[in-house]
């Protein structure tokens, strides 16, 4: 998705998408980033829903 107005930071991107930073994990160009990280043209940003809880160790 391309945005009309380019956010300067991950936090601005999340605010524009109305997403709470604690509810998602953000990757920029394949690396985990925090909400204060700056974005530049050409960055590939993935926003993934955080899944609380974990898995049952007996499943492994």
N, C-alpha and C. Protein backbone atom coordinates (compact mmCIF):
# COMPACT_ATOMS: atom_id res chain seq x y z
N UNK A 1 0.85 -1.16 0.00
CA UNK A 1 0.00 0.00 0.00
C UNK A 1 0.90 1.23 0.00
N UNK A 2 0.56 2.18 -0.81
CA UNK A 2 1.28 3.46 -0.79
C UNK A 2 0.37 4.50 -0.16
N UNK A 3 0.98 5.38 0.63
CA UNK A 3 0.22 6.40 1.33
C UNK A 3 0.37 7.74 0.63
N UNK A 4 -0.70 8.57 0.70
CA UNK A 4 -0.65 9.90 0.09
C UNK A 4 0.40 10.77 0.75
N UNK A 5 0.40 10.79 2.07
CA UNK A 5 1.36 11.59 2.82
C UNK A 5 2.37 10.66 3.47
N UNK A 6 3.65 10.88 3.23
CA UNK A 6 4.69 9.98 3.71
C UNK A 6 4.98 10.23 5.19
N UNK A 7 4.76 9.20 6.04
CA UNK A 7 5.11 9.35 7.45
C UNK A 7 6.63 9.37 7.61
N UNK A 8 7.12 10.11 8.59
CA UNK A 8 8.57 10.20 8.82
C UNK A 8 9.08 9.10 9.72
N UNK A 9 8.23 8.57 10.58
CA UNK A 9 8.65 7.52 11.51
C UNK A 9 7.65 6.37 11.50
N UNK A 10 8.06 5.26 12.08
CA UNK A 10 7.17 4.11 12.22
C UNK A 10 5.96 4.50 13.07
N UNK A 11 6.19 5.28 14.12
CA UNK A 11 5.10 5.74 14.98
C UNK A 11 4.06 6.55 14.22
N UNK A 12 4.51 7.45 13.34
CA UNK A 12 3.59 8.24 12.52
C UNK A 12 2.80 7.34 11.58
N UNK A 13 3.46 6.32 11.04
CA UNK A 13 2.78 5.37 10.17
C UNK A 13 1.67 4.65 10.93
N UNK A 14 1.99 4.15 12.11
CA UNK A 14 1.00 3.44 12.91
C UNK A 14 -0.16 4.35 13.31
N UNK A 15 0.15 5.60 13.67
CA UNK A 15 -0.91 6.55 14.02
C UNK A 15 -1.82 6.80 12.82
N UNK A 16 -1.22 6.95 11.63
CA UNK A 16 -2.01 7.16 10.42
C UNK A 16 -2.90 5.98 10.08
N UNK A 17 -2.45 4.79 10.45
CA UNK A 17 -3.24 3.58 10.21
C UNK A 17 -4.16 3.25 11.38
N UNK A 18 -4.11 4.11 12.41
CA UNK A 18 -4.90 3.94 13.64
C UNK A 18 -4.62 2.59 14.31
N UNK A 19 -3.34 2.26 14.41
CA UNK A 19 -2.91 1.03 15.07
C UNK A 19 -2.11 1.38 16.33
N UNK A 20 -2.39 0.67 17.41
CA UNK A 20 -1.64 0.86 18.65
C UNK A 20 -0.30 0.14 18.53
N UNK A 21 0.82 0.83 18.82
CA UNK A 21 2.14 0.21 18.70
C UNK A 21 2.28 -1.10 19.48
N UNK A 22 1.61 -1.20 20.62
CA UNK A 22 1.73 -2.42 21.43
C UNK A 22 0.94 -3.60 20.85
N UNK A 23 0.13 -3.35 19.82
CA UNK A 23 -0.67 -4.44 19.24
C UNK A 23 -0.06 -5.03 17.97
N UNK A 24 1.07 -4.48 17.53
CA UNK A 24 1.68 -4.94 16.28
C UNK A 24 3.19 -5.08 16.42
N UNK A 25 3.76 -5.80 15.45
CA UNK A 25 5.21 -5.90 15.29
C UNK A 25 5.50 -5.31 13.92
N UNK A 26 6.51 -4.45 13.83
CA UNK A 26 6.81 -3.79 12.56
C UNK A 26 8.20 -4.20 12.07
N UNK A 27 8.26 -4.61 10.81
CA UNK A 27 9.52 -4.94 10.15
C UNK A 27 9.76 -3.93 9.05
N UNK A 28 11.00 -3.45 8.95
CA UNK A 28 11.39 -2.56 7.85
C UNK A 28 12.52 -3.26 7.12
N UNK A 29 12.28 -3.54 5.85
CA UNK A 29 13.27 -4.24 5.03
C UNK A 29 13.73 -5.53 5.71
N UNK A 30 12.79 -6.22 6.38
CA UNK A 30 13.06 -7.51 6.99
C UNK A 30 13.60 -7.48 8.40
N UNK A 31 13.84 -6.29 8.96
CA UNK A 31 14.38 -6.16 10.33
C UNK A 31 13.36 -5.52 11.26
N UNK A 32 13.30 -6.03 12.48
CA UNK A 32 12.41 -5.50 13.49
C UNK A 32 12.78 -4.06 13.82
N UNK A 33 11.78 -3.17 13.90
CA UNK A 33 12.03 -1.76 14.22
C UNK A 33 11.08 -1.28 15.31
N UNK A 34 11.47 -0.19 15.97
CA UNK A 34 10.64 0.43 16.99
C UNK A 34 9.91 1.63 16.38
N UNK A 35 8.96 2.17 17.14
CA UNK A 35 8.14 3.25 16.59
C UNK A 35 8.89 4.56 16.36
N UNK A 36 10.07 4.73 16.94
CA UNK A 36 10.83 5.96 16.72
C UNK A 36 11.79 5.88 15.53
N UNK A 37 11.82 4.74 14.85
CA UNK A 37 12.70 4.58 13.68
C UNK A 37 12.19 5.43 12.52
N UNK A 38 13.13 6.06 11.81
CA UNK A 38 12.76 6.87 10.65
C UNK A 38 12.54 6.00 9.43
N UNK A 39 11.63 6.44 8.57
CA UNK A 39 11.35 5.75 7.31
C UNK A 39 11.87 6.59 6.16
N UNK A 40 12.32 5.92 5.10
CA UNK A 40 12.78 6.61 3.90
C UNK A 40 12.09 6.00 2.69
N UNK A 41 12.04 6.77 1.60
CA UNK A 41 11.45 6.26 0.37
C UNK A 41 12.10 4.94 -0.01
N UNK A 42 11.29 3.99 -0.41
CA UNK A 42 11.79 2.69 -0.83
C UNK A 42 11.80 1.64 0.25
N UNK A 43 11.56 2.04 1.53
CA UNK A 43 11.50 1.05 2.61
C UNK A 43 10.32 0.12 2.37
N UNK A 44 10.53 -1.17 2.62
CA UNK A 44 9.45 -2.15 2.62
C UNK A 44 9.06 -2.35 4.08
N UNK A 45 7.83 -1.96 4.43
CA UNK A 45 7.38 -2.02 5.81
C UNK A 45 6.27 -3.07 5.92
N UNK A 46 6.45 -3.99 6.87
CA UNK A 46 5.44 -5.01 7.15
C UNK A 46 4.93 -4.78 8.56
N UNK A 47 3.60 -4.74 8.70
CA UNK A 47 2.97 -4.57 10.00
C UNK A 47 2.22 -5.87 10.29
N UNK A 48 2.65 -6.55 11.34
CA UNK A 48 2.08 -7.85 11.69
C UNK A 48 1.37 -7.76 13.03
N UNK A 49 0.22 -8.40 13.13
CA UNK A 49 -0.52 -8.42 14.40
C UNK A 49 0.26 -9.23 15.42
N UNK A 50 0.42 -8.68 16.62
CA UNK A 50 1.08 -9.39 17.71
C UNK A 50 0.10 -10.41 18.27
N UNK A 51 0.56 -11.63 18.51
CA UNK A 51 -0.29 -12.70 19.05
C UNK A 51 0.16 -13.02 20.46
N UNK A 52 -0.59 -12.58 21.46
CA UNK A 52 -0.20 -12.84 22.84
C UNK A 52 -0.41 -14.31 23.22
N UNK A 53 0.33 -14.75 24.21
CA UNK A 53 0.09 -16.07 24.76
C UNK A 53 1.23 -17.04 24.55
N UNK A 54 1.57 -17.31 23.32
CA UNK A 54 2.62 -18.29 23.05
C UNK A 54 2.03 -19.64 22.71
N UNK A 55 2.89 -20.67 22.79
CA UNK A 55 2.43 -22.02 22.45
C UNK A 55 2.66 -22.95 23.63
N UNK A 56 1.95 -24.04 23.63
CA UNK A 56 2.11 -25.08 24.63
C UNK A 56 3.36 -25.88 24.29
N UNK A 57 4.30 -25.99 25.22
CA UNK A 57 5.55 -26.69 24.98
C UNK A 57 5.39 -28.14 24.58
N UNK A 58 4.25 -28.76 24.93
CA UNK A 58 4.04 -30.16 24.58
C UNK A 58 3.78 -30.35 23.09
N UNK A 59 3.50 -29.27 22.39
CA UNK A 59 3.22 -29.35 20.95
C UNK A 59 4.50 -29.56 20.17
N UNK A 60 5.63 -29.06 20.68
CA UNK A 60 6.89 -29.16 19.96
C UNK A 60 7.42 -30.54 19.87
